[in-house]
Protein backbone atom coordinates (compact mmCIF):
# COMPACT_ATOMS: atom_id res chain seq x y z
CA MET A 1 0.00 0.00 0.00
CA ARG A 2 1.37 3.38 -0.97
CA GLY A 3 2.01 6.09 1.59
CA LEU A 4 1.83 9.88 1.70
CA SER A 5 3.53 12.11 4.24
CA PHE A 6 2.93 15.73 5.33
CA ASP A 7 4.08 18.00 8.11
CA ILE A 8 0.45 18.83 8.89
CA VAL A 9 -2.66 16.92 7.90
CA ILE A 10 -6.05 18.66 8.15
CA VAL A 11 -9.21 16.54 8.09
CA GLY A 12 -12.11 18.59 6.80
CA ALA A 13 -12.13 21.35 4.18
CA GLY A 14 -14.99 23.42 5.51
CA PRO A 15 -14.41 26.95 6.90
CA ALA A 16 -12.37 25.77 9.90
CA GLY A 17 -10.21 23.46 7.80
CA LEU A 18 -9.64 26.08 5.11
CA ALA A 19 -8.67 28.69 7.71
CA ALA A 20 -6.30 26.20 9.36
CA ALA A 21 -4.69 25.30 6.02
CA ALA A 22 -4.26 28.93 4.93
CA SER A 23 -2.76 29.91 8.29
CA ALA A 24 -0.41 26.94 8.57
CA ALA A 25 0.77 27.44 4.97
CA ARG A 26 2.36 30.75 5.97
CA SER A 27 5.04 28.73 7.80
CA GLY A 28 6.08 26.87 4.65
CA ALA A 29 5.04 23.50 6.11
CA SER A 30 3.76 20.81 3.77
CA ILE A 31 0.03 20.38 4.29
CA GLY A 32 -2.43 17.69 3.31
CA LEU A 33 -6.06 18.93 3.27
CA LEU A 34 -8.60 16.09 3.22
CA ASP A 35 -12.32 16.16 2.58
CA ASP A 36 -14.84 13.52 1.57
CA ASN A 37 -16.65 15.90 -0.80
CA PRO A 38 -15.65 16.45 -4.44
CA ARG A 39 -14.92 20.15 -3.78
CA ILE A 40 -13.59 22.18 -0.88
CA GLY A 41 -15.97 24.31 1.18
CA GLY A 42 -17.68 21.81 3.44
CA GLN A 43 -21.44 21.81 3.99
CA ILE A 44 -21.79 25.57 4.39
CA TRP A 45 -19.74 26.56 1.32
CA ARG A 46 -20.85 23.81 -1.02
CA GLY A 47 -19.89 23.72 -4.67
CA GLY A 48 -16.31 24.97 -4.57
CA ILE A 49 -14.87 28.37 -5.39
CA GLU A 50 -16.80 28.66 -8.68
CA GLN A 51 -20.23 28.40 -7.06
CA VAL A 52 -20.06 29.90 -3.55
CA PRO A 53 -22.06 33.14 -3.36
CA THR A 54 -19.99 35.16 -0.89
CA LEU A 55 -16.72 37.03 -1.26
CA GLN A 56 -15.64 35.79 2.18
CA ALA A 57 -15.92 32.16 1.05
CA ARG A 58 -14.02 32.77 -2.18
CA ARG A 59 -11.22 34.54 -0.32
CA TRP A 60 -10.69 31.69 2.14
CA MET A 61 -10.77 29.13 -0.63
CA ALA A 62 -8.19 31.09 -2.58
CA ARG A 63 -5.94 31.39 0.49
CA ALA A 64 -6.10 27.63 0.95
CA THR A 65 -4.99 27.00 -2.63
CA THR A 66 -1.19 27.25 -2.58
CA ASP A 67 1.77 25.15 -3.67
CA THR A 68 2.36 23.88 -0.14
CA ILE A 69 -1.22 22.62 0.30
CA THR A 70 -2.20 19.32 -1.30
CA ALA A 71 -5.99 18.97 -1.44
CA LEU A 72 -7.23 15.37 -1.38
CA GLN A 73 -10.90 15.29 -2.36
CA ARG A 74 -13.28 12.35 -1.96
CA ALA A 75 -10.93 11.26 0.82
CA ARG A 76 -12.36 9.28 3.72
CA VAL A 77 -10.43 8.63 6.91
CA LEU A 78 -11.28 5.04 7.78
CA ALA A 79 -9.13 4.45 10.85
CA PRO A 80 -5.99 5.45 12.75
CA LEU A 81 -3.21 2.93 12.12
CA SER A 82 -0.77 4.37 14.66
CA THR A 83 -0.15 7.57 16.59
CA ASP A 84 1.01 9.34 13.41
CA THR A 85 -0.67 7.42 10.58
CA LEU A 86 -4.21 7.37 9.18
CA LEU A 87 -5.79 4.89 6.80
CA VAL A 88 -7.41 7.02 4.10
CA GLU A 89 -9.56 5.85 1.21
CA LEU A 90 -9.12 7.79 -2.05
CA PRO A 91 -11.02 7.20 -5.31
CA ASP A 92 -8.09 5.18 -6.70
CA GLY A 93 -7.41 3.13 -3.58
CA ALA A 94 -6.36 3.34 0.06
CA VAL A 95 -3.22 5.06 1.33
CA LYS A 96 -1.35 5.36 4.59
CA LEU A 97 -1.19 9.03 5.48
CA HIS A 98 1.67 10.03 7.80
CA PHE A 99 1.66 13.32 9.71
CA LYS A 100 3.74 15.19 12.26
CA ARG A 101 0.73 17.18 13.44
CA LEU A 102 -2.97 16.65 12.82
CA ILE A 103 -5.80 19.18 12.79
CA LEU A 104 -9.35 17.84 13.01
CA ALA A 105 -11.98 20.07 11.41
CA THR A 106 -14.69 17.45 11.03
CA GLY A 107 -17.62 19.81 11.52
CA ALA A 108 -21.10 18.86 12.66
CA ARG A 109 -24.30 17.29 11.45
CA GLU A 110 -27.96 18.09 12.01
CA ARG A 111 -29.56 16.83 15.18
CA PHE A 112 -32.88 15.07 14.69
CA LEU A 113 -35.35 14.34 17.47
CA PRO A 114 -37.91 11.58 16.92
CA PHE A 115 -41.64 12.22 16.87
CA PRO A 116 -44.53 10.21 15.38
CA GLY A 117 -44.22 10.25 11.60
CA TRP A 118 -40.67 11.61 11.39
CA THR A 119 -39.63 8.78 9.05
CA LEU A 120 -42.25 9.64 6.39
CA PRO A 121 -40.95 10.64 2.94
CA GLY A 122 -41.06 14.42 2.81
CA VAL A 123 -39.83 14.88 6.38
CA MET A 124 -36.25 16.05 6.05
CA GLY A 125 -33.48 17.78 7.91
CA ALA A 126 -33.63 21.54 7.40
CA GLY A 127 -30.07 21.72 6.12
CA GLY A 128 -30.57 18.51 4.15
CA LEU A 129 -33.52 19.93 2.23
CA GLN A 130 -31.59 23.13 1.59
CA ALA A 131 -28.66 21.12 0.21
CA LEU A 132 -30.93 19.07 -2.07
CA VAL A 133 -32.55 22.22 -3.42
CA LYS A 134 -29.12 23.72 -4.11
CA GLY A 135 -28.32 20.49 -5.95
CA GLY A 136 -31.36 20.78 -8.22
CA LEU A 137 -34.39 19.42 -6.31
CA PRO A 138 -37.43 21.33 -7.69
CA ILE A 139 -39.09 23.24 -4.85
CA GLU A 140 -40.97 26.01 -6.65
CA GLY A 141 -44.61 26.09 -5.54
CA GLN A 142 -44.09 23.37 -2.92
CA ARG A 143 -45.62 23.93 0.52
CA VAL A 144 -43.00 23.79 3.25
CA VAL A 145 -43.15 23.91 7.05
CA VAL A 146 -39.84 24.72 8.78
CA ALA A 147 -39.59 23.61 12.41
CA GLY A 148 -37.10 22.98 15.18
CA SER A 149 -34.69 25.40 16.80
CA GLY A 150 -31.88 27.81 16.02
CA PRO A 151 -30.86 30.42 13.43
CA LEU A 152 -30.49 27.71 10.77
CA LEU A 153 -34.29 27.60 10.51
CA LEU A 154 -34.45 31.19 9.29
CA ALA A 155 -31.55 30.72 6.89
CA VAL A 156 -33.19 27.63 5.39
CA ALA A 157 -36.60 29.29 5.16
CA SER A 158 -35.07 32.31 3.42
CA SER A 159 -33.15 30.11 0.97
CA LEU A 160 -36.23 28.03 0.13
CA THR A 161 -38.35 31.15 -0.34
CA GLN A 162 -35.82 32.52 -2.82
CA LYS A 163 -36.13 29.28 -4.78
CA GLY A 164 -39.92 29.69 -5.03
CA ALA A 165 -41.08 27.48 -2.16
CA ARG A 166 -44.23 28.45 -0.27
CA VAL A 167 -43.01 28.51 3.33
CA GLN A 168 -46.25 28.18 5.26
CA TYR A 169 -45.03 28.26 8.84
CA ILE A 170 -41.80 28.57 10.83
CA ALA A 171 -42.07 26.85 14.22
CA GLU A 172 -39.30 27.82 16.67
CA GLN A 173 -39.46 25.85 19.90
CA THR A 174 -37.81 28.46 22.12
CA THR A 175 -39.84 31.12 23.90
CA TRP A 176 -40.65 34.67 22.82
CA THR A 177 -39.08 35.85 26.08
CA LYS A 178 -35.72 34.29 25.17
CA LEU A 179 -35.92 35.60 21.61
CA ALA A 180 -36.65 39.12 22.85
CA ALA A 181 -33.72 39.03 25.29
CA PHE A 182 -31.47 37.78 22.49
CA GLY A 183 -32.66 40.57 20.20
CA LEU A 184 -31.75 43.18 22.80
CA ARG A 185 -28.16 41.89 22.80
CA LEU A 186 -27.76 41.99 19.00
CA PRO A 187 -26.77 45.69 18.77
CA GLY A 188 -23.57 44.71 20.61
CA TYR A 189 -22.70 42.41 17.69
CA PRO A 190 -23.04 44.56 14.53
CA LYS A 191 -22.19 41.81 12.04
CA GLN A 192 -24.74 39.41 13.50
CA LEU A 193 -27.31 42.21 13.67
CA ARG A 194 -26.89 42.85 9.95
CA GLN A 195 -27.26 39.15 9.21
CA ALA A 196 -30.42 38.88 11.33
CA SER A 197 -31.89 41.99 9.68
CA ALA A 198 -31.21 40.59 6.21
CA LEU A 199 -32.90 37.29 7.11
CA GLY A 200 -35.88 39.10 8.60
CA TRP A 201 -36.30 41.20 5.46
CA GLY A 202 -36.06 38.13 3.24
CA LEU A 203 -38.78 36.39 5.26
CA ARG A 204 -41.26 39.27 5.43
CA GLY A 205 -44.75 37.86 5.15
CA VAL A 206 -43.72 34.37 6.33
CA PRO A 207 -45.32 33.56 9.72
CA LEU A 208 -42.75 32.93 12.48
CA HIS A 209 -44.08 31.33 15.66
CA ALA A 210 -42.05 30.91 18.84
CA ASP A 211 -43.18 28.52 21.60
CA ALA A 212 -44.14 26.16 18.77
CA TRP A 213 -42.95 22.69 17.87
CA VAL A 214 -43.92 19.68 15.76
CA THR A 215 -45.74 16.89 17.56
CA GLY A 216 -46.47 14.67 14.57
CA ALA A 217 -46.22 14.20 10.81
CA HIS A 218 -49.04 12.44 8.94
CA GLY A 219 -49.60 10.82 5.57
CA THR A 220 -50.09 7.48 3.85
CA GLU A 221 -47.44 7.15 1.14
CA ARG A 222 -45.65 10.40 2.04
CA LEU A 223 -46.03 13.54 4.13
CA GLU A 224 -49.40 15.26 3.85
CA THR A 225 -49.86 17.28 7.07
CA VAL A 226 -47.99 18.18 10.25
CA THR A 227 -49.32 18.95 13.71
CA ILE A 228 -47.85 21.96 15.51
CA GLN A 229 -48.20 22.60 19.24
CA SER A 230 -48.19 26.27 20.26
CA ARG A 231 -49.65 28.56 22.90
CA GLN A 232 -52.91 28.59 20.96
CA GLY A 233 -53.15 24.79 21.04
CA GLN A 234 -52.62 22.31 18.23
CA THR A 235 -52.74 23.27 14.55
CA GLU A 236 -52.67 20.93 11.57
CA ILE A 237 -51.00 22.29 8.45
CA ALA A 238 -51.03 20.76 4.98
CA CYS A 239 -47.58 20.65 3.40
CA ASP A 240 -45.37 18.84 0.93
CA TYR A 241 -42.15 19.06 2.95
CA LEU A 242 -41.27 19.41 6.61
CA ALA A 243 -37.77 20.85 7.07
CA CYS A 244 -36.95 19.99 10.65
CA GLY A 245 -33.81 20.41 12.73
CA PHE A 246 -32.94 20.88 16.39
CA GLY A 247 -29.53 22.44 16.07
CA LEU A 248 -26.26 20.76 15.17
CA TRP A 249 -24.29 17.89 16.70
CA PRO A 250 -20.46 17.75 16.68
CA ASN A 251 -18.76 15.06 14.57
CA THR A 252 -16.41 13.52 17.13
CA GLU A 253 -16.08 9.96 15.85
CA LEU A 254 -12.56 10.36 14.44
CA ALA A 255 -11.38 12.30 17.48
CA THR A 256 -12.73 9.55 19.73
CA ALA A 257 -11.01 6.85 17.66
CA LEU A 258 -7.74 8.79 18.02
CA GLY A 259 -8.11 8.89 21.81
CA CYS A 260 -8.94 12.59 22.18
CA GLU A 261 -10.94 13.50 25.26
CA ILE A 262 -14.62 14.29 24.67
CA LEU A 263 -16.42 16.68 27.02
CA ASP A 264 -20.15 17.48 26.77
CA HIS A 265 -20.33 15.64 23.43
CA ALA A 266 -17.56 17.81 21.87
CA VAL A 267 -13.79 17.55 21.56
CA ARG A 268 -12.07 19.20 24.53
CA VAL A 269 -9.40 21.71 23.51
CA ASP A 270 -7.17 24.23 25.28
CA PRO A 271 -6.88 27.92 24.27
CA TRP A 272 -4.57 26.94 21.37
CA GLN A 273 -7.11 24.39 20.02
CA HIS A 274 -4.84 21.60 21.22
CA THR A 275 -6.63 18.37 22.19
CA SER A 276 -5.69 15.95 24.96
CA ARG A 277 -3.58 14.05 22.40
CA GLN A 278 -0.06 15.23 21.65
CA ASP A 279 0.26 16.87 18.22
CA ILE A 280 -3.48 16.75 17.52
CA TYR A 281 -5.54 19.95 17.28
CA CYS A 282 -9.24 20.47 16.67
CA ALA A 283 -11.19 23.47 15.34
CA GLY A 284 -14.71 24.37 14.35
CA GLU A 285 -18.01 22.73 15.22
CA ALA A 286 -16.36 19.51 16.45
CA THR A 287 -15.24 21.48 19.53
CA GLY A 288 -18.78 22.76 20.13
CA ILE A 289 -21.37 24.46 17.96
CA GLY A 290 -20.36 28.07 17.40
CA GLY A 291 -21.12 29.10 13.83
CA LEU A 292 -19.11 30.28 10.86
CA ASP A 293 -17.18 33.16 12.44
CA LEU A 294 -16.00 31.10 15.39
CA ALA A 295 -15.02 28.20 13.11
CA LEU A 296 -12.83 30.51 11.04
CA LEU A 297 -11.12 31.93 14.12
CA GLU A 298 -10.53 28.50 15.67
CA GLY A 299 -9.17 27.24 12.36
CA GLN A 300 -6.69 30.10 12.19
CA ILE A 301 -5.54 29.53 15.77
CA ALA A 302 -5.13 25.79 15.19
CA GLY A 303 -3.22 26.36 11.94
CA PHE A 304 -0.89 28.91 13.47
CA ALA A 305 -0.33 26.88 16.65
CA ALA A 306 0.30 23.60 14.80
CA SER A 307 2.88 25.27 12.54
CA GLY A 308 4.78 27.05 15.32
CA GLN A 309 3.41 30.56 14.67
CA GLY A 310 2.60 31.31 18.28
CA GLU A 311 2.34 35.10 18.06
CA ALA A 312 -0.04 34.94 15.10
CA ALA A 313 -2.20 32.51 17.05
CA ARG A 314 -2.17 34.76 20.09
CA ALA A 315 -3.38 37.71 18.00
CA CYS A 316 -6.61 35.82 17.23
CA LEU A 317 -7.51 35.12 20.85
CA PRO A 318 -9.38 38.38 21.71
CA GLU A 319 -11.67 38.12 18.70
CA ARG A 320 -12.34 34.46 19.46
CA GLU A 321 -13.36 35.37 23.02
CA ARG A 322 -15.75 38.00 21.70
CA THR A 323 -17.26 35.54 19.25
CA GLN A 324 -17.55 32.88 21.95
CA SER A 325 -19.58 35.30 24.08
CA PHE A 326 -22.10 35.58 21.25
CA THR A 327 -22.14 31.79 20.97
CA ARG A 328 -23.00 31.48 24.65
CA HIS A 329 -26.00 33.77 24.08
CA LEU A 330 -27.09 31.54 21.21
CA GLU A 331 -26.78 28.39 23.32
CA HIS A 332 -28.95 29.89 26.06
CA THR A 333 -31.54 31.28 23.67
CA PHE A 334 -32.07 28.09 21.68
CA SER A 335 -31.64 25.47 24.41
CA LEU A 336 -34.15 22.68 23.89
CA ARG A 337 -37.28 22.65 26.03
CA PRO A 338 -38.08 19.53 28.11
CA GLU A 339 -41.40 18.96 26.34
CA LEU A 340 -39.46 17.70 23.32
CA LYS A 341 -38.40 14.64 25.32
CA LYS A 342 -42.04 13.52 25.45
CA LEU A 343 -42.87 13.59 21.74
CA SER A 344 -42.25 9.91 21.01
CA SER A 345 -44.98 7.32 21.43
CA ALA A 346 -44.17 3.70 22.30
CA ASP A 347 -43.95 2.68 18.63
CA THR A 348 -42.03 5.73 17.39
CA ILE A 349 -38.85 4.66 15.60
CA ILE A 350 -35.69 5.84 17.40
CA CYS A 351 -33.05 3.98 15.36
CA ARG A 352 -34.05 4.27 11.72
CA CYS A 353 -31.37 1.89 10.46
CA GLU A 354 -32.50 -1.04 12.63
CA ASP A 355 -36.19 -0.06 13.16
CA VAL A 356 -35.79 0.09 16.94
CA THR A 357 -38.69 1.78 18.74
CA TYR A 358 -38.84 4.09 21.72
CA GLN A 359 -40.47 1.35 23.79
CA GLU A 360 -37.58 -1.02 23.07
CA VAL A 361 -34.80 1.38 24.10
CA GLN A 362 -36.35 3.21 27.05
CA ARG A 363 -36.12 0.15 29.31
CA HIS A 364 -32.31 0.12 29.10
CA PRO A 365 -30.00 1.97 31.52
CA GLY A 366 -27.54 3.20 28.89
CA TRP A 367 -26.28 3.23 25.32
CA ARG A 368 -24.19 0.04 25.58
CA SER A 369 -27.07 -2.01 26.97
CA ALA A 370 -29.52 -0.72 24.35
CA LYS A 371 -27.03 -1.39 21.59
CA LEU A 372 -26.34 -4.96 22.71
CA GLN A 373 -29.97 -5.88 23.26
CA THR A 374 -31.76 -4.02 20.46
CA ARG A 375 -29.07 -3.24 17.84
CA CYS A 376 -29.79 0.47 18.28
CA GLY A 377 -26.86 2.31 16.70
CA MET A 378 -25.52 -0.73 14.83
CA GLY A 379 -26.88 0.11 11.38
CA PRO A 380 -25.19 1.86 8.45
CA CYS A 381 -25.09 5.28 10.14
CA GLN A 382 -23.39 3.75 13.22
CA GLY A 383 -25.43 5.78 15.69
CA ARG A 384 -24.92 9.16 14.05
CA ILE A 385 -28.66 9.90 14.16
CA CYS A 386 -29.99 7.87 17.09
CA GLY A 387 -26.88 8.61 19.19
CA ALA A 388 -27.63 12.33 19.25
CA ALA A 389 -31.32 11.65 19.85
CA THR A 390 -30.74 9.31 22.81
CA ALA A 391 -28.23 11.75 24.29
CA PHE A 392 -31.06 14.30 24.53
CA LEU A 393 -33.83 11.88 25.44
CA PHE A 394 -31.97 9.82 28.05
CA GLY A 395 -28.65 11.55 28.68
CA TRP A 396 -26.72 8.65 27.14
CA THR A 397 -23.21 8.90 25.71
CA GLN A 398 -21.59 6.69 23.08
CA ASP A 399 -18.59 5.30 24.93
CA SER A 400 -16.52 3.96 22.06
CA VAL A 401 -15.88 4.13 18.33
CA ARG A 402 -14.57 1.15 16.40
CA PRO A 403 -12.81 1.31 13.04
CA PRO A 404 -13.74 1.91 10.35
CA VAL A 405 -14.85 5.37 11.42
CA THR A 406 -16.96 5.68 8.27
CA VAL A 407 -18.06 3.42 5.45
CA GLY A 408 -15.35 2.22 3.09
CA ARG A 409 -14.67 -0.34 0.43
CA VAL A 410 -13.69 -3.83 1.53
CA SER A 411 -10.61 -3.56 -0.68
CA SER A 412 -9.45 -0.58 1.41
CA LEU A 413 -9.76 -2.54 4.63
CA ILE A 414 -8.77 -6.09 3.82
CA HIS A 415 -5.00 -5.54 3.75
CA THR A 416 -4.97 -3.25 6.79
CA GLN A 417 -7.30 -5.01 9.20
CA GLU A 418 -4.43 -6.11 11.38
CA ASP A 419 -2.98 -2.59 11.41
CA ALA A 420 -6.27 -0.98 12.38
CA HIS A 421 -6.71 -3.29 15.34
CA SER A 422 -3.15 -3.34 16.60
CA HIS A 423 -2.32 0.36 15.95
CA GLN A 424 1.24 -0.71 15.16
CA PRO A 425 3.12 1.18 12.41
CA GLU A 426 4.20 -0.74 9.35
CA GLU A 427 6.72 -0.05 6.59
CA ASP A 428 5.21 1.39 3.41
CA THR A 429 5.15 -0.80 0.34
CA GLN A 430 4.80 0.46 -3.17
């Protein structure tokens, strides 16, 4: 198996990974930038430099395109083979990737909470529906309900409206009191105030309801109506799509497999974005959900710190602290209400991969017991959906990650199975 070697390897080419690569490149270090998508930009800047709509995105992509940065697209990290080697699957075969320092910028995914009917066709993640529409899914004239929690709801609703969707209702589960208190703080954050104002203008005429959440989705072959609980009682709304999301959930699987400490479901880092593992750094949503601006700052700090540019890293710290203060306001404002834990009925599916119901898992004391007895979390997604749901519903944590970290071809694994289990380095062969 062939091998590649870099001074710094960065896993993830979203905003945090791009900022880390651009910052580290200033040192002259050789950098490998990995992402499993066909173009750099991650989930938020999809489509690569030719298609992203903002000048900020194009600038960061351009900065991360230099002679010292090798971008490896459609690259999946399957497993750590040793303390300084990853098994990576590329389109033309697997490679051993050696690094001196590693920066994890693995991002986050949408958090779904189960409710009756959430598995019906037409019920989708808010960001997932937005991505499909950007990829060509026809949405013009379609009736859409957007529900869940967080600023992503407004961004998705605005994007869908621009594409011709008929957004019928935005259901935000947090309270009007929290939203009002958050609004009073916005003048202290001019950039975020401008963003909120632009979203509000783009959604004029679209009804936004706080203290409102989905209690059920209904239909025979696919989604037909949704039931919304609000202060006024229950309302049933006819729709073609339900775009639903309850915030984001950090992608920590690779960090866990590498032995990095996880705290409150996110990778624990110090002020320099250094993890509990020597020579491994982490930046962006994997360290905790903080948004685009914080991801860019953390990426810069990680890139500078990993490449020995301590003063440049230090210069970013005050702005990161300011951005983190805004993030703390967001966390408080959009914290999930306890009523959401009671949405599932006995036969509501919790693990979609293995068709495990709420009744089957609720009798277990923890994740390991439920997994062993019901196969919850043992399907193709390996607990990426039900793990986040059971963390909210029951306070469970996933206590281990086994290689492969993500799906891969058998041909990529068959010659390295012994390596992945023993974590012993091996000489490269051509």
